[in-house]
N, C-alpha and C. Protein backbone atom coordinates (compact mmCIF):
# COMPACT_ATOMS: atom_id res chain seq x y z
N MET A 1 100.55 -59.32 75.72
CA MET A 1 100.98 -58.79 74.46
C MET A 1 101.37 -57.35 74.63
N SER A 2 102.41 -56.93 73.94
CA SER A 2 102.85 -55.54 74.13
C SER A 2 101.93 -54.63 73.32
N PRO A 3 101.81 -53.37 73.71
CA PRO A 3 100.95 -52.44 73.01
C PRO A 3 101.37 -52.16 71.59
N ARG A 4 102.65 -52.32 71.31
CA ARG A 4 103.13 -52.08 69.94
C ARG A 4 102.62 -53.14 68.97
N LEU A 5 102.47 -54.37 69.41
CA LEU A 5 102.09 -55.46 68.51
C LEU A 5 100.59 -55.54 68.26
N ARG A 6 99.80 -54.89 69.09
CA ARG A 6 98.37 -54.94 68.87
C ARG A 6 97.96 -53.99 67.73
N LEU A 7 97.11 -54.45 66.90
CA LEU A 7 96.67 -53.65 65.77
C LEU A 7 95.27 -53.12 66.10
N HIS A 8 95.13 -51.82 66.04
CA HIS A 8 93.85 -51.22 66.31
C HIS A 8 92.97 -51.33 65.08
N PRO A 9 91.67 -51.61 65.25
CA PRO A 9 90.76 -51.76 64.10
C PRO A 9 90.74 -50.51 63.20
N GLY A 10 90.82 -49.36 63.76
CA GLY A 10 90.80 -48.11 62.97
C GLY A 10 92.04 -48.00 62.08
N ARG A 11 93.20 -48.37 62.63
CA ARG A 11 94.46 -48.31 61.86
C ARG A 11 94.45 -49.38 60.77
N ALA A 12 93.91 -50.52 61.09
CA ALA A 12 93.84 -51.58 60.09
C ALA A 12 92.96 -51.19 58.91
N LEU A 13 91.86 -50.51 59.22
CA LEU A 13 90.95 -50.07 58.16
C LEU A 13 91.61 -49.00 57.29
N VAL A 14 92.36 -48.12 57.90
CA VAL A 14 93.08 -47.10 57.16
C VAL A 14 94.14 -47.74 56.26
N ALA A 15 94.84 -48.71 56.82
CA ALA A 15 95.90 -49.40 56.07
C ALA A 15 95.29 -50.13 54.87
N VAL A 16 94.17 -50.81 55.06
CA VAL A 16 93.53 -51.52 53.96
C VAL A 16 93.03 -50.52 52.92
N CYS A 17 92.44 -49.41 53.35
CA CYS A 17 91.93 -48.41 52.41
C CYS A 17 93.06 -47.77 51.61
N CYS A 18 94.23 -47.65 52.18
CA CYS A 18 95.37 -47.10 51.45
C CYS A 18 95.94 -48.11 50.45
N CYS A 19 95.87 -49.37 50.77
CA CYS A 19 96.44 -50.41 49.90
C CYS A 19 95.52 -50.75 48.74
N LEU A 20 94.25 -50.64 48.87
CA LEU A 20 93.31 -51.00 47.80
C LEU A 20 93.54 -50.21 46.52
N PRO A 21 93.70 -48.88 46.56
CA PRO A 21 93.94 -48.17 45.30
C PRO A 21 95.25 -48.60 44.63
N LEU A 22 96.26 -48.92 45.42
CA LEU A 22 97.52 -49.40 44.83
C LEU A 22 97.33 -50.74 44.15
N LEU A 23 96.58 -51.61 44.75
CA LEU A 23 96.30 -52.91 44.13
C LEU A 23 95.44 -52.76 42.89
N ALA A 24 94.51 -51.81 42.90
CA ALA A 24 93.66 -51.59 41.77
C ALA A 24 94.44 -51.03 40.60
N CYS A 25 95.42 -50.20 40.87
CA CYS A 25 96.26 -49.62 39.80
C CYS A 25 97.09 -50.71 39.12
N GLN A 26 97.47 -51.72 39.84
CA GLN A 26 98.26 -52.80 39.25
C GLN A 26 97.42 -53.62 38.26
N GLN A 27 96.11 -53.58 38.40
CA GLN A 27 95.26 -54.34 37.53
C GLN A 27 94.99 -53.64 36.20
N LEU A 28 95.31 -52.35 36.09
CA LEU A 28 95.10 -51.64 34.84
C LEU A 28 96.10 -52.13 33.80
N THR A 29 95.66 -52.21 32.55
CA THR A 29 96.52 -52.67 31.49
C THR A 29 96.76 -51.53 30.52
N ASN A 30 97.78 -51.71 29.72
CA ASN A 30 98.13 -50.73 28.71
C ASN A 30 97.14 -50.86 27.53
N PRO A 31 96.43 -49.82 27.15
CA PRO A 31 95.44 -49.94 26.07
C PRO A 31 96.10 -50.25 24.74
N THR A 32 97.30 -49.79 24.49
CA THR A 32 97.92 -50.09 23.21
C THR A 32 98.27 -51.57 23.12
N ALA A 33 98.64 -52.17 24.22
CA ALA A 33 98.94 -53.60 24.20
C ALA A 33 97.68 -54.40 23.91
N SER A 34 96.56 -53.95 24.44
CA SER A 34 95.30 -54.60 24.16
C SER A 34 94.94 -54.47 22.68
N VAL A 35 95.15 -53.32 22.09
CA VAL A 35 94.87 -53.11 20.67
C VAL A 35 95.78 -53.98 19.82
N GLU A 36 97.05 -54.05 20.18
CA GLU A 36 97.99 -54.89 19.43
C GLU A 36 97.61 -56.36 19.52
N LEU A 37 97.18 -56.79 20.68
CA LEU A 37 96.74 -58.18 20.82
C LEU A 37 95.52 -58.45 19.98
N GLN A 38 94.57 -57.51 19.94
CA GLN A 38 93.37 -57.69 19.12
C GLN A 38 93.74 -57.74 17.64
N GLU A 39 94.66 -56.89 17.19
CA GLU A 39 95.08 -56.90 15.81
C GLU A 39 95.76 -58.22 15.47
N SER A 40 96.55 -58.73 16.37
CA SER A 40 97.23 -60.02 16.15
C SER A 40 96.19 -61.14 16.05
N LEU A 41 95.16 -61.06 16.85
CA LEU A 41 94.10 -62.09 16.77
C LEU A 41 93.35 -62.02 15.46
N TYR A 42 93.12 -60.80 14.96
CA TYR A 42 92.45 -60.64 13.67
C TYR A 42 93.33 -61.21 12.53
N GLU A 43 94.64 -60.94 12.61
CA GLU A 43 95.54 -61.47 11.60
C GLU A 43 95.57 -63.00 11.64
N LEU A 44 95.58 -63.55 12.84
CA LEU A 44 95.56 -64.99 13.01
C LEU A 44 94.28 -65.57 12.44
N GLN A 45 93.17 -64.89 12.66
CA GLN A 45 91.87 -65.35 12.13
C GLN A 45 91.90 -65.35 10.60
N ASP A 46 92.47 -64.30 10.00
CA ASP A 46 92.59 -64.24 8.54
C ASP A 46 93.46 -65.38 8.02
N LEU A 47 94.55 -65.65 8.68
CA LEU A 47 95.43 -66.74 8.25
C LEU A 47 94.72 -68.08 8.37
N LEU A 48 93.93 -68.28 9.41
CA LEU A 48 93.20 -69.53 9.53
C LEU A 48 92.17 -69.70 8.42
N VAL A 49 91.52 -68.61 8.03
CA VAL A 49 90.56 -68.68 6.92
C VAL A 49 91.29 -69.04 5.63
N GLN A 50 92.43 -68.42 5.39
CA GLN A 50 93.22 -68.76 4.20
C GLN A 50 93.65 -70.22 4.19
N MET A 51 94.06 -70.70 5.36
CA MET A 51 94.45 -72.13 5.45
C MET A 51 93.27 -73.05 5.15
N ARG A 52 92.10 -72.70 5.65
CA ARG A 52 90.91 -73.52 5.38
C ARG A 52 90.59 -73.54 3.89
N GLU A 53 90.71 -72.36 3.24
CA GLU A 53 90.42 -72.31 1.81
C GLU A 53 91.45 -73.15 1.03
N GLU A 54 92.72 -73.04 1.38
CA GLU A 54 93.75 -73.83 0.72
C GLU A 54 93.53 -75.32 0.93
N THR A 55 93.16 -75.67 2.16
CA THR A 55 92.88 -77.10 2.47
C THR A 55 91.73 -77.60 1.65
N ALA A 56 90.68 -76.80 1.51
CA ALA A 56 89.52 -77.22 0.71
C ALA A 56 89.92 -77.38 -0.76
N MET A 57 90.76 -76.47 -1.26
CA MET A 57 91.20 -76.57 -2.64
C MET A 57 92.05 -77.82 -2.84
N LEU A 58 92.95 -78.09 -1.91
CA LEU A 58 93.81 -79.28 -2.01
C LEU A 58 92.97 -80.55 -1.91
N GLN A 59 91.96 -80.55 -1.05
CA GLN A 59 91.08 -81.73 -0.95
C GLN A 59 90.34 -81.96 -2.24
N GLY A 60 89.92 -80.91 -2.90
CA GLY A 60 89.26 -81.05 -4.19
C GLY A 60 90.19 -81.63 -5.23
N GLN A 61 91.45 -81.20 -5.23
CA GLN A 61 92.42 -81.74 -6.18
C GLN A 61 92.67 -83.22 -5.89
N VAL A 62 92.80 -83.59 -4.63
CA VAL A 62 93.03 -84.99 -4.27
C VAL A 62 91.83 -85.83 -4.72
N ASP A 63 90.64 -85.35 -4.46
CA ASP A 63 89.43 -86.10 -4.88
C ASP A 63 89.39 -86.27 -6.38
N SER A 64 89.77 -85.23 -7.12
CA SER A 64 89.81 -85.32 -8.59
C SER A 64 90.85 -86.35 -9.05
N LEU A 65 92.01 -86.34 -8.43
CA LEU A 65 93.04 -87.30 -8.80
C LEU A 65 92.63 -88.72 -8.45
N GLN A 66 91.93 -88.89 -7.35
CA GLN A 66 91.45 -90.23 -6.99
C GLN A 66 90.45 -90.74 -8.04
N PHE A 67 89.61 -89.84 -8.55
CA PHE A 67 88.65 -90.21 -9.56
C PHE A 67 89.37 -90.62 -10.84
N VAL A 68 90.40 -89.87 -11.23
CA VAL A 68 91.15 -90.18 -12.45
C VAL A 68 91.86 -91.52 -12.30
N VAL A 69 92.48 -91.76 -11.14
CA VAL A 69 93.18 -93.03 -10.93
C VAL A 69 92.21 -94.20 -10.92
N ALA A 70 91.05 -94.00 -10.30
CA ALA A 70 90.06 -95.06 -10.31
C ALA A 70 89.58 -95.39 -11.72
N ARG A 71 89.40 -94.37 -12.53
CA ARG A 71 88.96 -94.59 -13.92
C ARG A 71 90.05 -95.30 -14.71
N GLN A 72 91.30 -94.87 -14.53
CA GLN A 72 92.39 -95.55 -15.23
C GLN A 72 92.55 -96.98 -14.79
N ASP A 73 92.35 -97.24 -13.49
CA ASP A 73 92.46 -98.60 -12.95
C ASP A 73 91.38 -99.50 -13.56
N SER A 74 90.18 -98.98 -13.63
CA SER A 74 89.10 -99.79 -14.23
C SER A 74 89.36 -100.03 -15.72
N THR A 75 89.94 -99.05 -16.40
CA THR A 75 90.28 -99.25 -17.82
C THR A 75 91.36 -100.30 -17.97
N LEU A 76 92.37 -100.26 -17.13
CA LEU A 76 93.44 -101.27 -17.19
C LEU A 76 92.89 -102.66 -16.87
N ARG A 77 91.95 -102.76 -15.92
CA ARG A 77 91.36 -104.05 -15.59
C ARG A 77 90.57 -104.61 -16.78
N ARG A 78 89.84 -103.72 -17.46
CA ARG A 78 89.07 -104.19 -18.63
C ARG A 78 90.01 -104.67 -19.73
N MET A 79 91.09 -103.92 -19.99
CA MET A 79 92.05 -104.32 -21.03
C MET A 79 92.71 -105.65 -20.67
N ALA A 80 93.04 -105.82 -19.40
CA ALA A 80 93.67 -107.09 -18.97
C ALA A 80 92.66 -108.23 -19.08
N ASN A 81 91.43 -107.95 -18.79
CA ASN A 81 90.38 -108.97 -18.90
C ASN A 81 90.18 -109.38 -20.37
N LEU A 82 90.20 -108.41 -21.28
CA LEU A 82 90.04 -108.73 -22.67
C LEU A 82 91.23 -109.53 -23.22
N MET A 83 92.40 -109.29 -22.68
CA MET A 83 93.60 -110.01 -23.11
C MET A 83 93.73 -111.33 -22.39
N GLY A 84 92.92 -111.60 -21.39
CA GLY A 84 92.97 -112.85 -20.68
C GLY A 84 94.08 -112.92 -19.66
N MET A 85 94.56 -111.79 -19.20
CA MET A 85 95.62 -111.77 -18.20
C MET A 85 95.01 -111.58 -16.81
N PRO A 86 95.54 -112.32 -15.81
CA PRO A 86 95.02 -112.12 -14.46
C PRO A 86 95.51 -110.77 -13.88
N VAL A 87 94.64 -110.14 -13.16
CA VAL A 87 94.98 -108.86 -12.52
C VAL A 87 95.18 -109.10 -11.02
N PRO A 88 96.34 -108.73 -10.49
CA PRO A 88 96.55 -108.95 -9.07
C PRO A 88 95.69 -108.06 -8.17
C-alpha cells in the first residue's frame, strides 16, 4: 500500500473531532419553527374539542328525534289498531 493511502490514527481522530461539531450544528432547529408548530398543535387541539362538543350536541338531537319518531310510531299503531287496520 502506498504511504498516501494509509490513514494515521492521529489524523483520523482529528478528522472525526472536526466533523462532529459540524454534524451537531445540523441537528439544531429553529426555535421559532418549534413555537409555531406548538401553536398549531394547540389550535388543532381546540378544534378537536369543538368538534367533540358539536358531535355530542348533534347526537343529543338525533336521540331526541328518535324518541319523537318512536312515540309517533306507537301512536299511529294504536290508532290503526283501534280502526282495525293491519300495520305493516
